[in-house]
C-alpha atoms as a PDB file:
ATOM      1  CA  UNK A   1     225.197 -26.182 156.847  1.00  0.00           C
ATOM      2  CA  UNK A   2     223.232 -24.694 159.743  1.00  0.00           C
ATOM      3  CA  UNK A   3     221.144 -22.634 157.329  1.00  0.00           C
ATOM      4  CA  UNK A   4     219.601 -25.864 156.016  1.00  0.00           C
ATOM      5  CA  UNK A   5     217.896 -26.332 159.379  1.00  0.00           C
ATOM      6  CA  UNK A   6     216.054 -23.082 158.666  1.00  0.00           C
ATOM      7  CA  UNK A   7     215.557 -23.276 154.907  1.00  0.00           C
ATOM      8  CA  UNK A   8     214.149 -26.794 154.693  1.00  0.00           C
ATOM      9  CA  UNK A   9     211.324 -26.297 157.236  1.00  0.00           C
ATOM     10  CA  UNK A  10     210.640 -22.855 155.757  1.00  0.00           C
ATOM     11  CA  UNK A  11     210.298 -24.285 152.248  1.00  0.00           C
ATOM     12  CA  UNK A  12     208.038 -27.073 153.522  1.00  0.00           C
ATOM     13  CA  UNK A  13     205.803 -24.531 155.271  1.00  0.00           C
ATOM     14  CA  UNK A  14     205.668 -22.387 152.128  1.00  0.00           C
ATOM     15  CA  UNK A  15     204.717 -25.421 150.017  1.00  0.00           C
ATOM     16  CA  UNK A  16     201.938 -26.304 152.473  1.00  0.00           C
ATOM     17  CA  UNK A  17     200.721 -22.697 152.334  1.00  0.00           C
ATOM     18  CA  UNK A  18     200.638 -22.712 148.509  1.00  0.00           C
ATOM     19  CA  UNK A  19     198.880 -26.071 148.355  1.00  0.00           C
ATOM     20  CA  UNK A  20     196.377 -24.871 150.955  1.00  0.00           C
ATOM     21  CA  UNK A  21     195.660 -21.784 148.858  1.00  0.00           C
ATOM     22  CA  UNK A  22     195.166 -23.902 145.750  1.00  0.00           C
ATOM     23  CA  UNK A  23     192.858 -26.275 147.620  1.00  0.00           C
ATOM     24  CA  UNK A  24     190.870 -23.303 148.943  1.00  0.00           C
ATOM     25  CA  UNK A  25     190.506 -21.847 145.424  1.00  0.00           C
ATOM     26  CA  UNK A  26     189.289 -25.159 144.012  1.00  0.00           C
ATOM     27  CA  UNK A  27     186.931 -25.714 146.947  1.00  0.00           C
ATOM     28  CA  UNK A  28     185.436 -22.209 146.585  1.00  0.00           C
ATOM     29  CA  UNK A  29     184.773 -22.710 142.852  1.00  0.00           C
ATOM     30  CA  UNK A  30     187.386 -20.391 141.370  1.00  0.00           C
ATOM     31  CA  UNK A  31     188.051 -22.795 138.501  1.00  0.00           C
ATOM     32  CA  UNK A  32     184.458 -23.753 137.715  1.00  0.00           C
ATOM     33  CA  UNK A  33     184.084 -21.988 134.354  1.00  0.00           C
ATOM     34  CA  UNK A  34     187.340 -20.694 132.951  1.00  0.00           C
ATOM     35  CA  UNK A  35     185.817 -20.325 129.468  1.00  0.00           C
ATOM     36  CA  UNK A  36     183.394 -17.604 130.611  1.00  0.00           C
ATOM     37  CA  UNK A  37     186.166 -15.162 131.523  1.00  0.00           C
ATOM     38  CA  UNK A  38     187.652 -15.522 128.052  1.00  0.00           C
ATOM     39  CA  UNK A  39     184.296 -14.776 126.394  1.00  0.00           C
ATOM     40  CA  UNK A  40     183.440 -11.939 128.735  1.00  0.00           C
ATOM     41  CA  UNK A  41     186.274  -9.724 127.492  1.00  0.00           C
ATOM     42  CA  UNK A  42     184.749  -9.730 124.000  1.00  0.00           C
ATOM     43  CA  UNK A  43     181.329  -8.551 125.177  1.00  0.00           C
ATOM     44  CA  UNK A  44     180.601  -4.861 124.933  1.00  0.00           C
ATOM     45  CA  UNK A  45     179.041  -3.458 128.094  1.00  0.00           C
ATOM     46  CA  UNK A  46     177.760   0.092 127.812  1.00  0.00           C
END
């Protein structure tokens, strides 16, 4: 039962860290044009 006092705050901190990373990625424009990456693999660069 004592381990819950460690695991619950740890899981909350990890969730905040993941949500902060997702917010940072959206704010920095990582998901602006997801279609372009799919088309880029078909282009031949030589």
